[in-house]
Amino acid sequence: MIFLIFTAEGLAEAASEIQAEQATVWLNPDLKNTNDYAKLVESGCDCFFLSEQADPTNERSVINALSQVEKNSHDTEIYVEYL
């Protein structure tokens, strides 16, 4: 299971489920300094960052981010944060 998270609010909301599932998470680069990210790393979750900041309000940006995740993963179950 993979989570694709764009915002600090989305990360805070999904963090407990990500930890419980020991899921992989892909994040916008600006989330690197959040407490929730640090907790995920400490709990052993695999965390990756998108190559560029995605705008969750822009459909094309979300699709590009999802494409990056799909190209770098074999897991087909991907949960995407939508605003």
PDB file of N, CA and C in Angstrom:
ATOM      1  N   MET A   1       0.843  -1.174   0.000  1.00  0.00           N
ATOM      2  CA  MET A   1       0.000   0.000   0.000  1.00  0.00           C
ATOM      3  C   MET A   1       0.888   1.236   0.000  1.00  0.00           C
ATOM      4  N   ILE A   2       0.495   2.195  -0.825  1.00  0.00           N
ATOM      5  CA  ILE A   2       1.248   3.437  -0.953  1.00  0.00           C
ATOM      6  C   ILE A   2       0.309   4.616  -0.708  1.00  0.00           C
ATOM      7  N   PHE A   3       0.810   5.610  -0.012  1.00  0.00           N
ATOM      8  CA  PHE A   3       0.079   6.866   0.173  1.00  0.00           C
ATOM      9  C   PHE A   3       0.833   7.960  -0.567  1.00  0.00           C
ATOM     10  N   LEU A   4       0.102   8.774  -1.298  1.00  0.00           N
ATOM     11  CA  LEU A   4       0.658   9.945  -1.977  1.00  0.00           C
ATOM     12  C   LEU A   4       0.041  11.160  -1.301  1.00  0.00           C
ATOM     13  N   ILE A   5       0.870  11.891  -0.556  1.00  0.00           N
ATOM     14  CA  ILE A   5       0.398  12.979   0.291  1.00  0.00           C
ATOM     15  C   ILE A   5       1.036  14.295  -0.159  1.00  0.00           C
ATOM     16  N   PHE A   6       0.194  15.340  -0.263  1.00  0.00           N
ATOM     17  CA  PHE A   6       0.656  16.636  -0.749  1.00  0.00           C
ATOM     18  C   PHE A   6       0.756  17.704   0.336  1.00  0.00           C
ATOM     19  N   THR A   7      -0.058  17.606   1.382  1.00  0.00           N
ATOM     20  CA  THR A   7      -0.133  18.695   2.364  1.00  0.00           C
ATOM     21  C   THR A   7       0.157  18.202   3.778  1.00  0.00           C
ATOM     22  N   ALA A   8       0.540  19.130   4.639  1.00  0.00           N
ATOM     23  CA  ALA A   8       0.784  18.805   6.048  1.00  0.00           C
ATOM     24  C   ALA A   8      -0.499  18.304   6.707  1.00  0.00           C
ATOM     25  N   GLU A   9      -1.633  18.885   6.330  1.00  0.00           N
ATOM     26  CA  GLU A   9      -2.915  18.456   6.889  1.00  0.00           C
ATOM     27  C   GLU A   9      -3.228  17.020   6.482  1.00  0.00           C
ATOM     28  N   GLY A  10      -2.981  16.686   5.226  1.00  0.00           N
ATOM     29  CA  GLY A  10      -3.211  15.328   4.749  1.00  0.00           C
ATOM     30  C   GLY A  10      -2.298  14.326   5.421  1.00  0.00           C
ATOM     31  N   LEU A  11      -1.052  14.735   5.644  1.00  0.00           N
ATOM     32  CA  LEU A  11      -0.102  13.859   6.321  1.00  0.00           C
ATOM     33  C   LEU A  11      -0.517  13.616   7.756  1.00  0.00           C
ATOM     34  N   ALA A  12      -0.936  14.662   8.444  1.00  0.00           N
ATOM     35  CA  ALA A  12      -1.381  14.513   9.831  1.00  0.00           C
ATOM     36  C   ALA A  12      -2.590  13.582   9.914  1.00  0.00           C
ATOM     37  N   GLU A  13      -3.493  13.717   8.953  1.00  0.00           N
ATOM     38  CA  GLU A  13      -4.704  12.894   8.945  1.00  0.00           C
ATOM     39  C   GLU A  13      -4.399  11.422   8.653  1.00  0.00           C
ATOM     40  N   ALA A  14      -3.447  11.156   7.770  1.00  0.00           N
ATOM     41  CA  ALA A  14      -3.155   9.786   7.349  1.00  0.00           C
ATOM     42  C   ALA A  14      -2.041   9.110   8.143  1.00  0.00           C
ATOM     43  N   ALA A  15      -1.301   9.847   8.949  1.00  0.00           N
ATOM     44  CA  ALA A  15      -0.103   9.321   9.600  1.00  0.00           C
ATOM     45  C   ALA A  15      -0.357   8.055  10.412  1.00  0.00           C
ATOM     46  N   SER A  16      -1.430   8.028  11.191  1.00  0.00           N
ATOM     47  CA  SER A  16      -1.668   6.842  12.030  1.00  0.00           C
ATOM     48  C   SER A  16      -1.955   5.612  11.171  1.00  0.00           C
ATOM     49  N   GLU A  17      -2.691   5.772  10.089  1.00  0.00           N
ATOM     50  CA  GLU A  17      -2.964   4.641   9.204  1.00  0.00           C
ATOM     51  C   GLU A  17      -1.704   4.186   8.479  1.00  0.00           C
ATOM     52  N   ILE A  18      -0.885   5.145   8.055  1.00  0.00           N
ATOM     53  CA  ILE A  18       0.374   4.811   7.392  1.00  0.00           C
ATOM     54  C   ILE A  18       1.256   3.997   8.343  1.00  0.00           C
ATOM     55  N   GLN A  19       1.358   4.440   9.590  1.00  0.00           N
ATOM     56  CA  GLN A  19       2.162   3.725  10.577  1.00  0.00           C
ATOM     57  C   GLN A  19       1.583   2.343  10.861  1.00  0.00           C
ATOM     58  N   ALA A  20       0.270   2.256  11.040  1.00  0.00           N
ATOM     59  CA  ALA A  20      -0.363   0.975  11.349  1.00  0.00           C
ATOM     60  C   ALA A  20      -0.148  -0.043  10.228  1.00  0.00           C
ATOM     61  N   GLU A  21      -0.182   0.418   8.995  1.00  0.00           N
ATOM     62  CA  GLU A  21      -0.016  -0.464   7.833  1.00  0.00           C
ATOM     63  C   GLU A  21       1.458  -0.651   7.458  1.00  0.00           C
ATOM     64  N   GLN A  22       2.346   0.123   8.083  1.00  0.00           N
ATOM     65  CA  GLN A  22       3.755   0.163   7.679  1.00  0.00           C
ATOM     66  C   GLN A  22       3.827   0.380   6.165  1.00  0.00           C
ATOM     67  N   ALA A  23       3.020   1.326   5.710  1.00  0.00           N
ATOM     68  CA  ALA A  23       2.887   1.627   4.286  1.00  0.00           C
ATOM     69  C   ALA A  23       4.043   2.488   3.793  1.00  0.00           C
ATOM     70  N   THR A  24       4.186   2.503   2.505  1.00  0.00           N
ATOM     71  CA  THR A  24       5.113   3.406   1.837  1.00  0.00           C
ATOM     72  C   THR A  24       4.391   4.721   1.615  1.00  0.00           C
ATOM     73  N   VAL A  25       5.117   5.816   1.761  1.00  0.00           N
ATOM     74  CA  VAL A  25       4.501   7.128   1.553  1.00  0.00           C
ATOM     75  C   VAL A  25       5.393   7.978   0.650  1.00  0.00           C
ATOM     76  N   TRP A  26       4.748   8.646  -0.294  1.00  0.00           N
ATOM     77  CA  TRP A  26       5.398   9.630  -1.151  1.00  0.00           C
ATOM     78  C   TRP A  26       4.866  10.989  -0.750  1.00  0.00           C
ATOM     79  N   LEU A  27       5.764  11.939  -0.607  1.00  0.00           N
ATOM     80  CA  LEU A  27       5.411  13.252  -0.070  1.00  0.00           C
ATOM     81  C   LEU A  27       5.919  14.384  -0.954  1.00  0.00           C
ATOM     82  N   ASN A  28       5.236  15.514  -0.868  1.00  0.00           N
ATOM     83  CA  ASN A  28       5.752  16.738  -1.458  1.00  0.00           C
ATOM     84  C   ASN A  28       7.039  17.111  -0.716  1.00  0.00           C
ATOM     85  N   PRO A  29       8.018  17.660  -1.406  1.00  0.00           N
ATOM     86  CA  PRO A  29       9.299  17.985  -0.770  1.00  0.00           C
ATOM     87  C   PRO A  29       9.194  18.919   0.440  1.00  0.00           C
ATOM     88  N   ASP A  30       8.189  19.782   0.466  1.00  0.00           N
ATOM     89  CA  ASP A  30       8.096  20.728   1.583  1.00  0.00           C
ATOM     90  C   ASP A  30       7.615  20.083   2.889  1.00  0.00           C
ATOM     91  N   LEU A  31       7.313  18.790   2.872  1.00  0.00           N
ATOM     92  CA  LEU A  31       6.873  18.097   4.089  1.00  0.00           C
ATOM     93  C   LEU A  31       8.024  17.439   4.851  1.00  0.00           C
ATOM     94  N   LYS A  32       9.231  17.626   4.359  1.00  0.00           N
ATOM     95  CA  LYS A  32      10.392  16.969   4.965  1.00  0.00           C
ATOM     96  C   LYS A  32      10.642  17.403   6.408  1.00  0.00           C
ATOM     97  N   ASN A  33      10.257  18.597   6.763  1.00  0.00           N
ATOM     98  CA  ASN A  33      10.547  19.103   8.107  1.00  0.00           C
ATOM     99  C   ASN A  33       9.347  19.037   9.050  1.00  0.00           C
ATOM    100  N   THR A  34       8.378  18.192   8.755  1.00  0.00           N
ATOM    101  CA  THR A  34       7.209  18.083   9.633  1.00  0.00           C
ATOM    102  C   THR A  34       7.433  17.007  10.694  1.00  0.00           C
ATOM    103  N   ASN A  35       6.770  17.164  11.814  1.00  0.00           N
ATOM    104  CA  ASN A  35       6.860  16.165  12.888  1.00  0.00           C
ATOM    105  C   ASN A  35       6.291  14.829  12.449  1.00  0.00           C
ATOM    106  N   ASP A  36       5.202  14.855  11.667  1.00  0.00           N
ATOM    107  CA  ASP A  36       4.597  13.602  11.216  1.00  0.00           C
ATOM    108  C   ASP A  36       5.556  12.818  10.322  1.00  0.00           C
ATOM    109  N   TYR A  37       6.306  13.504   9.481  1.00  0.00           N
ATOM    110  CA  TYR A  37       7.308  12.814   8.651  1.00  0.00           C
ATOM    111  C   TYR A  37       8.349  12.148   9.540  1.00  0.00           C
ATOM    112  N   ALA A  38       8.836  12.868  10.525  1.00  0.00           N
ATOM    113  CA  ALA A  38       9.848  12.313  11.432  1.00  0.00           C
ATOM    114  C   ALA A  38       9.325  11.067  12.149  1.00  0.00           C
ATOM    115  N   LYS A  39       8.069  11.100  12.563  1.00  0.00           N
ATOM    116  CA  LYS A  39       7.469   9.946  13.244  1.00  0.00           C
ATOM    117  C   LYS A  39       7.364   8.744  12.305  1.00  0.00           C
ATOM    118  N   LEU A  40       7.050   8.988  11.049  1.00  0.00           N
ATOM    119  CA  LEU A  40       6.966   7.891  10.085  1.00  0.00           C
ATOM    120  C   LEU A  40       8.328   7.235   9.888  1.00  0.00           C
ATOM    121  N   VAL A  41       9.351   8.053   9.781  1.00  0.00           N
ATOM    122  CA  VAL A  41      10.709   7.528   9.615  1.00  0.00           C
ATOM    123  C   VAL A  41      11.101   6.715  10.846  1.00  0.00           C
ATOM    124  N   GLU A  42      10.826   7.252  12.031  1.00  0.00           N
ATOM    125  CA  GLU A  42      11.149   6.549  13.274  1.00  0.00           C
ATOM    126  C   GLU A  42      10.421   5.215  13.386  1.00  0.00           C
ATOM    127  N   SER A  43       9.213   5.145  12.847  1.00  0.00           N
ATOM    128  CA  SER A  43       8.437   3.909  12.948  1.00  0.00           C
ATOM    129  C   SER A  43       8.801   2.893  11.867  1.00  0.00           C
ATOM    130  N   GLY A  44       9.703   3.272  10.958  1.00  0.00           N
ATOM    131  CA  GLY A  44      10.193   2.337   9.958  1.00  0.00           C
ATOM    132  C   GLY A  44       9.459   2.354   8.629  1.00  0.00           C
ATOM    133  N   CYS A  45       8.602   3.321   8.412  1.00  0.00           N
ATOM    134  CA  CYS A  45       7.904   3.423   7.127  1.00  0.00           C
ATOM    135  C   CYS A  45       8.872   3.896   6.045  1.00  0.00           C
ATOM    136  N   ASP A  46       8.667   3.392   4.844  1.00  0.00           N
ATOM    137  CA  ASP A  46       9.466   3.850   3.710  1.00  0.00           C
ATOM    138  C   ASP A  46       8.888   5.176   3.230  1.00  0.00           C
ATOM    139  N   CYS A  47       9.711   6.210   3.228  1.00  0.00           N
ATOM    140  CA  CYS A  47       9.279   7.552   2.828  1.00  0.00           C
ATOM    141  C   CYS A  47      10.111   8.035   1.654  1.00  0.00           C
ATOM    142  N   PHE A  48       9.433   8.553   0.658  1.00  0.00           N
ATOM    143  CA  PHE A  48      10.084   9.085  -0.522  1.00  0.00           C
ATOM    144  C   PHE A  48       9.516  10.462  -0.806  1.00  0.00           C
ATOM    145  N   PHE A  49      10.273  11.259  -1.538  1.00  0.00           N
ATOM    146  CA  PHE A  49       9.827  12.604  -1.896  1.00  0.00           C
ATOM    147  C   PHE A  49       9.697  12.731  -3.405  1.00  0.00           C
ATOM    148  N   LEU A  50       8.646  13.432  -3.803  1.00  0.00           N
ATOM    149  CA  LEU A  50       8.460  13.721  -5.217  1.00  0.00           C
ATOM    150  C   LEU A  50       9.625  14.565  -5.712  1.00  0.00           C
ATOM    151  N   SER A  51       9.927  14.460  -6.989  1.00  0.00           N
ATOM    152  CA  SER A  51      11.068  15.206  -7.537  1.00  0.00           C
ATOM    153  C   SER A  51      10.806  16.705  -7.600  1.00  0.00           C
ATOM    154  N   GLU A  52       9.526  17.072  -7.608  1.00  0.00           N
ATOM    155  CA  GLU A  52       9.179  18.495  -7.577  1.00  0.00           C
ATOM    156  C   GLU A  52       7.868  18.662  -6.817  1.00  0.00           C
ATOM    157  N   GLN A  53       7.660  19.860  -6.316  1.00  0.00           N
ATOM    158  CA  GLN A  53       6.463  20.176  -5.546  1.00  0.00           C
ATOM    159  C   GLN A  53       5.219  20.019  -6.426  1.00  0.00           C
ATOM    160  N   ALA A  54       4.262  19.216  -5.983  1.00  0.00           N
ATOM    161  CA  ALA A  54       3.008  19.043  -6.715  1.00  0.00           C
ATOM    162  C   ALA A  54       1.937  19.945  -6.111  1.00  0.00           C
ATOM    163  N   ASP A  55       1.109  20.499  -6.964  1.00  0.00           N
ATOM    164  CA  ASP A  55      -0.001  21.344  -6.534  1.00  0.00           C
ATOM    165  C   ASP A  55      -1.254  20.471  -6.466  1.00  0.00           C
ATOM    166  N   PRO A  56      -1.739  20.173  -5.264  1.00  0.00           N
ATOM    167  CA  PRO A  56      -2.881  19.263  -5.147  1.00  0.00           C
ATOM    168  C   PRO A  56      -4.186  19.831  -5.686  1.00  0.00           C
ATOM    169  N   THR A  57      -4.223  21.113  -5.998  1.00  0.00           N
ATOM    170  CA  THR A  57      -5.430  21.707  -6.574  1.00  0.00           C
ATOM    171  C   THR A  57      -5.397  21.697  -8.099  1.00  0.00           C
ATOM    172  N   ASN A  58      -4.289  21.212  -8.673  1.00  0.00           N
ATOM    173  CA  ASN A  58      -4.119  21.175 -10.121  1.00  0.00           C
ATOM    174  C   ASN A  58      -4.103  19.716 -10.581  1.00  0.00           C
ATOM    175  N   GLU A  59      -5.118  19.315 -11.326  1.00  0.00           N
ATOM    176  CA  GLU A  59      -5.264  17.919 -11.735  1.00  0.00           C
ATOM    177  C   GLU A  59      -4.037  17.406 -12.495  1.00  0.00           C
ATOM    178  N   ARG A  60      -3.502  18.206 -13.377  1.00  0.00           N
ATOM    179  CA  ARG A  60      -2.319  17.788 -14.151  1.00  0.00           C
ATOM    180  C   ARG A  60      -1.128  17.541 -13.231  1.00  0.00           C
ATOM    181  N   SER A  61      -0.951  18.388 -12.239  1.00  0.00           N
ATOM    182  CA  SER A  61       0.137  18.238 -11.280  1.00  0.00           C
ATOM    183  C   SER A  61      -0.023  16.945 -10.472  1.00  0.00           C
ATOM    184  N   VAL A  62      -1.247  16.642 -10.081  1.00  0.00           N
ATOM    185  CA  VAL A  62      -1.525  15.414  -9.324  1.00  0.00           C
ATOM    186  C   VAL A  62      -1.253  14.190 -10.198  1.00  0.00           C
ATOM    187  N   ILE A  63      -1.678  14.239 -11.447  1.00  0.00           N
ATOM    188  CA  ILE A  63      -1.439  13.113 -12.365  1.00  0.00           C
ATOM    189  C   ILE A  63       0.054  12.907 -12.597  1.00  0.00           C
ATOM    190  N   ASN A  64       0.806  13.994 -12.738  1.00  0.00           N
ATOM    191  CA  ASN A  64       2.259  13.878 -12.902  1.00  0.00           C
ATOM    192  C   ASN A  64       2.907  13.244 -11.669  1.00  0.00           C
ATOM    193  N   ALA A  65       2.453  13.652 -10.489  1.00  0.00           N
ATOM    194  CA  ALA A  65       2.986  13.072  -9.252  1.00  0.00           C
ATOM    195  C   ALA A  65       2.650  11.587  -9.170  1.00  0.00           C
ATOM    196  N   LEU A  66       1.422  11.240  -9.494  1.00  0.00           N
ATOM    197  CA  LEU A  66       1.005   9.845  -9.476  1.00  0.00           C
ATOM    198  C   LEU A  66       1.814   9.019 -10.470  1.00  0.00           C
ATOM    199  N   SER A  67       2.090   9.577 -11.631  1.00  0.00           N
ATOM    200  CA  SER A  67       2.916   8.880 -12.626  1.00  0.00           C
ATOM    201  C   SER A  67       4.307   8.587 -12.088  1.00  0.00           C
ATOM    202  N   GLN A  68       4.885   9.540 -11.375  1.00  0.00           N
ATOM    203  CA  GLN A  68       6.207   9.324 -10.788  1.00  0.00           C
ATOM    204  C   GLN A  68       6.177   8.175  -9.787  1.00  0.00           C
ATOM    205  N   VAL A  69       5.142   8.144  -8.957  1.00  0.00           N
ATOM    206  CA  VAL A  69       5.011   7.074  -7.965  1.00  0.00           C
ATOM    207  C   VAL A  69       4.847   5.729  -8.666  1.00  0.00           C
ATOM    208  N   GLU A  70       4.001   5.669  -9.670  1.00  0.00           N
ATOM    209  CA  GLU A  70       3.759   4.414 -10.388  1.00  0.00           C
ATOM    210  C   GLU A  70       5.021   3.902 -11.072  1.00  0.00           C
ATOM    211  N   LYS A  71       5.829   4.793 -11.606  1.00  0.00           N
ATOM    212  CA  LYS A  71       7.064   4.395 -12.282  1.00  0.00           C
ATOM    213  C   LYS A  71       8.098   3.832 -11.306  1.00  0.00           C
ATOM    214  N   ASN A  72       7.983   4.217 -10.036  1.00  0.00           N
ATOM    215  CA  ASN A  72       8.982   3.827  -9.048  1.00  0.00           C
ATOM    216  C   ASN A  72       8.470   2.819  -8.032  1.00  0.00           C
ATOM    217  N   SER A  73       7.381   2.146  -8.340  1.00  0.00           N
ATOM    218  CA  SER A  73       6.804   1.197  -7.403  1.00  0.00           C
ATOM    219  C   SER A  73       6.155   0.044  -8.150  1.00  0.00           C
ATOM    220  N   HIS A  74       6.145  -1.112  -7.494  1.00  0.00           N
ATOM    221  CA  HIS A  74       5.464  -2.279  -8.048  1.00  0.00           C
ATOM    222  C   HIS A  74       4.081  -2.446  -7.440  1.00  0.00           C
ATOM    223  N   ASP A  75       3.801  -1.724  -6.377  1.00  0.00           N
ATOM    224  CA  ASP A  75       2.522  -1.810  -5.689  1.00  0.00           C
ATOM    225  C   ASP A  75       1.471  -1.041  -6.494  1.00  0.00           C
ATOM    226  N   THR A  76       0.318  -1.637  -6.701  1.00  0.00           N
ATOM    227  CA  THR A  76      -0.730  -0.985  -7.486  1.00  0.00           C
ATOM    228  C   THR A  76      -1.800  -0.344  -6.609  1.00  0.00           C
ATOM    229  N   GLU A  77      -1.735  -0.543  -5.315  1.00  0.00           N
ATOM    230  CA  GLU A  77      -2.709   0.050  -4.394  1.00  0.00           C
ATOM    231  C   GLU A  77      -2.158   1.373  -3.888  1.00  0.00           C
ATOM    232  N   ILE A  78      -2.640   2.478  -4.470  1.00  0.00           N
ATOM    233  CA  ILE A  78      -2.129   3.799  -4.148  1.00  0.00           C
ATOM    234  C   ILE A  78      -3.280   4.684  -3.691  1.00  0.00           C
ATOM    235  N   TYR A  79      -3.143   5.227  -2.483  1.00  0.00           N
ATOM    236  CA  TYR A  79      -4.117   6.154  -1.948  1.00  0.00           C
ATOM    237  C   TYR A  79      -3.599   7.573  -2.171  1.00  0.00           C
ATOM    238  N   VAL A  80      -4.392   8.402  -2.834  1.00  0.00           N
ATOM    239  CA  VAL A  80      -3.968   9.742  -3.218  1.00  0.00           C
ATOM    240  C   VAL A  80      -4.785  10.772  -2.426  1.00  0.00           C
ATOM    241  N   GLU A  81      -4.087  11.711  -1.813  1.00  0.00           N
ATOM    242  CA  GLU A  81      -4.771  12.818  -1.121  1.00  0.00           C
ATOM    243  C   GLU A  81      -5.390  13.741  -2.160  1.00  0.00           C
ATOM    244  N   TYR A  82      -6.689  13.951  -2.017  1.00  0.00           N
ATOM    245  CA  TYR A  82      -7.393  14.903  -2.877  1.00  0.00           C
ATOM    246  C   TYR A  82      -7.961  16.008  -2.038  1.00  0.00           C
ATOM    247  N   LEU A  83      -7.914  17.234  -2.560  1.00  0.00           N
ATOM    248  CA  LEU A  83      -8.473  18.384  -1.841  1.00  0.00           C
ATOM    249  C   LEU A  83      -9.834  18.718  -2.378  1.00  0.00           C
TER     250      LEU A  83
END
